[in-house]
Amino acid sequence: MGRIKSMQGNISCEVCGNNQGQCFEVRLGGEKHVFDSFECAIRALTPHCGYCGCQLTGHGIVLGNTIYCSYQCANDDSVREHEQHVLLRERANL
């Protein structure tokens, strides 16, 4: 299973603290994480939308260094950034 390895012993999930002996280890980016379920692993490791904050469990839309859950969020965030730049320019001209 590549990144996922079954573990034995008295190890606790880093999300929920459960230590029922069914924990597994995930190594990601040089860091080791321990979980007792895929639910906890998803909660801890998935990125969040740069606009609405929802967790992304599938593919997202990447613009620059930001990931979005949908084209709508990507568009809304771009509009918000543009409006902020316009307001800053208007204030600077006052």
C-alpha atoms as a PDB file:
ATOM      1  CA  MET A   1       0.000   0.000   0.000  1.00  0.00           C
ATOM      2  CA  GLY A   2       2.904   2.401  -0.436  1.00  0.00           C
ATOM      3  CA  ARG A   3       2.373   5.311   1.983  1.00  0.00           C
ATOM      4  CA  ILE A   4       0.109   3.413   4.384  1.00  0.00           C
ATOM      5  CA  LYS A   5       1.509   0.832   6.766  1.00  0.00           C
ATOM      6  CA  SER A   6      -0.342  -1.167   9.445  1.00  0.00           C
ATOM      7  CA  MET A   7       0.939  -0.658  12.964  1.00  0.00           C
ATOM      8  CA  GLN A   8       0.752  -2.583  16.214  1.00  0.00           C
ATOM      9  CA  GLY A   9       0.979  -1.474  19.811  1.00  0.00           C
ATOM     10  CA  ASN A  10      -0.408   1.286  21.966  1.00  0.00           C
ATOM     11  CA  ILE A  11      -0.355   4.141  19.454  1.00  0.00           C
ATOM     12  CA  SER A  12      -3.073   6.823  19.345  1.00  0.00           C
ATOM     13  CA  CYS A  13      -4.700   8.580  16.400  1.00  0.00           C
ATOM     14  CA  GLU A  14      -3.427  12.170  16.210  1.00  0.00           C
ATOM     15  CA  VAL A  15      -6.921  13.484  15.368  1.00  0.00           C
ATOM     16  CA  CYS A  16      -9.327  11.678  17.701  1.00  0.00           C
ATOM     17  CA  GLY A  17      -6.963  10.067  20.221  1.00  0.00           C
ATOM     18  CA  ASN A  18      -8.402   6.582  19.683  1.00  0.00           C
ATOM     19  CA  ASN A  19      -5.909   3.804  20.435  1.00  0.00           C
ATOM     20  CA  GLN A  20      -7.838   0.612  19.727  1.00  0.00           C
ATOM     21  CA  GLY A  21      -4.840  -1.024  18.027  1.00  0.00           C
ATOM     22  CA  GLN A  22      -6.024  -0.378  14.469  1.00  0.00           C
ATOM     23  CA  CYS A  23      -3.910   2.679  13.760  1.00  0.00           C
ATOM     24  CA  PHE A  24      -1.897   3.120  10.588  1.00  0.00           C
ATOM     25  CA  GLU A  25       0.919   5.423   9.609  1.00  0.00           C
ATOM     26  CA  VAL A  26       1.010   7.895   6.715  1.00  0.00           C
ATOM     27  CA  ARG A  27       4.276   9.515   5.641  1.00  0.00           C
ATOM     28  CA  LEU A  28       3.790  12.707   3.706  1.00  0.00           C
ATOM     29  CA  GLY A  29       6.423  15.300   2.872  1.00  0.00           C
ATOM     30  CA  GLY A  30       8.924  13.736   5.260  1.00  0.00           C
ATOM     31  CA  GLU A  31       6.470  13.830   8.181  1.00  0.00           C
ATOM     32  CA  LYS A  32       4.920  10.805   9.892  1.00  0.00           C
ATOM     33  CA  HIS A  33       1.222  10.876  10.842  1.00  0.00           C
ATOM     34  CA  VAL A  34      -0.805   8.245  12.734  1.00  0.00           C
ATOM     35  CA  PHE A  35      -4.549   7.725  12.261  1.00  0.00           C
ATOM     36  CA  ASP A  36      -7.152   5.124  13.169  1.00  0.00           C
ATOM     37  CA  SER A  37      -9.424   5.741  10.156  1.00  0.00           C
ATOM     38  CA  PHE A  38      -9.394   7.267   6.704  1.00  0.00           C
ATOM     39  CA  GLU A  39     -11.898   9.803   8.025  1.00  0.00           C
ATOM     40  CA  CYS A  40      -9.308  11.147  10.482  1.00  0.00           C
ATOM     41  CA  ALA A  41      -6.560  11.066   7.842  1.00  0.00           C
ATOM     42  CA  ILE A  42      -8.723  13.056   5.423  1.00  0.00           C
ATOM     43  CA  ARG A  43      -9.618  15.566   8.133  1.00  0.00           C
ATOM     44  CA  ALA A  44      -5.954  16.145   8.972  1.00  0.00           C
ATOM     45  CA  LEU A  45      -4.296  16.042   5.559  1.00  0.00           C
ATOM     46  CA  THR A  46      -6.683  17.463   2.967  1.00  0.00           C
ATOM     47  CA  PRO A  47      -6.287  21.063   1.814  1.00  0.00           C
ATOM     48  CA  HIS A  48      -9.021  23.662   2.291  1.00  0.00           C
ATOM     49  CA  CYS A  49     -10.588  25.884  -0.353  1.00  0.00           C
ATOM     50  CA  GLY A  50      -8.896  29.300  -0.457  1.00  0.00           C
ATOM     51  CA  TYR A  51     -12.270  31.051  -0.654  1.00  0.00           C
ATOM     52  CA  CYS A  52     -14.958  29.140   1.292  1.00  0.00           C
ATOM     53  CA  GLY A  53     -12.738  26.958   3.499  1.00  0.00           C
ATOM     54  CA  CYS A  54     -14.341  23.576   2.730  1.00  0.00           C
ATOM     55  CA  GLN A  55     -12.132  20.472   2.730  1.00  0.00           C
ATOM     56  CA  LEU A  56     -11.063  19.170  -0.667  1.00  0.00           C
ATOM     57  CA  THR A  57     -11.188  15.383  -0.881  1.00  0.00           C
ATOM     58  CA  GLY A  58     -10.899  15.364  -4.674  1.00  0.00           C
ATOM     59  CA  HIS A  59      -9.291  17.481  -7.334  1.00  0.00           C
ATOM     60  CA  GLY A  60      -9.429  21.207  -6.901  1.00  0.00           C
ATOM     61  CA  ILE A  61      -8.770  24.193  -9.110  1.00  0.00           C
ATOM     62  CA  VAL A  62      -5.302  25.657  -8.571  1.00  0.00           C
ATOM     63  CA  LEU A  63      -4.665  29.310  -9.394  1.00  0.00           C
ATOM     64  CA  GLY A  64      -1.231  30.552  -8.418  1.00  0.00           C
ATOM     65  CA  ASN A  65      -0.512  29.208  -4.931  1.00  0.00           C
ATOM     66  CA  THR A  66      -4.188  28.845  -3.975  1.00  0.00           C
ATOM     67  CA  ILE A  67      -6.461  25.815  -4.374  1.00  0.00           C
ATOM     68  CA  TYR A  68     -10.234  26.161  -4.728  1.00  0.00           C
ATOM     69  CA  CYS A  69     -13.085  23.658  -4.515  1.00  0.00           C
ATOM     70  CA  SER A  70     -14.856  25.003  -7.616  1.00  0.00           C
ATOM     71  CA  TYR A  71     -14.589  27.496 -10.448  1.00  0.00           C
ATOM     72  CA  GLN A  72     -17.206  29.595  -8.640  1.00  0.00           C
ATOM     73  CA  CYS A  73     -14.982  29.985  -5.563  1.00  0.00           C
ATOM     74  CA  ALA A  74     -11.940  30.709  -7.735  1.00  0.00           C
ATOM     75  CA  ASN A  75     -13.880  33.377  -9.621  1.00  0.00           C
ATOM     76  CA  ASP A  76     -15.390  34.909  -6.477  1.00  0.00           C
ATOM     77  CA  ASP A  77     -11.953  35.123  -4.841  1.00  0.00           C
ATOM     78  CA  SER A  78     -10.470  36.779  -7.946  1.00  0.00           C
ATOM     79  CA  VAL A  79     -13.307  39.315  -7.991  1.00  0.00           C
ATOM     80  CA  ARG A  80     -12.815  40.015  -4.267  1.00  0.00           C
ATOM     81  CA  GLU A  81      -9.066  40.567  -4.759  1.00  0.00           C
ATOM     82  CA  HIS A  82      -9.697  42.865  -7.729  1.00  0.00           C
ATOM     83  CA  GLU A  83     -12.243  44.905  -5.721  1.00  0.00           C
ATOM     84  CA  GLN A  84      -9.751  45.266  -2.855  1.00  0.00           C
ATOM     85  CA  HIS A  85      -7.073  46.572  -5.256  1.00  0.00           C
ATOM     86  CA  VAL A  86      -9.540  49.088  -6.722  1.00  0.00           C
ATOM     87  CA  LEU A  87     -10.502  50.324  -3.244  1.00  0.00           C
ATOM     88  CA  LEU A  88      -6.854  50.717  -2.254  1.00  0.00           C
ATOM     89  CA  ARG A  89      -6.158  52.705  -5.424  1.00  0.00           C
ATOM     90  CA  GLU A  90      -9.184  54.944  -4.804  1.00  0.00           C
ATOM     91  CA  ARG A  91      -8.105  55.589  -1.198  1.00  0.00           C
ATOM     92  CA  ALA A  92      -4.586  56.413  -2.321  1.00  0.00           C
ATOM     93  CA  ASN A  93      -5.921  59.009  -4.785  1.00  0.00           C
ATOM     94  CA  LEU A  94      -8.021  60.789  -2.123  1.00  0.00           C
END
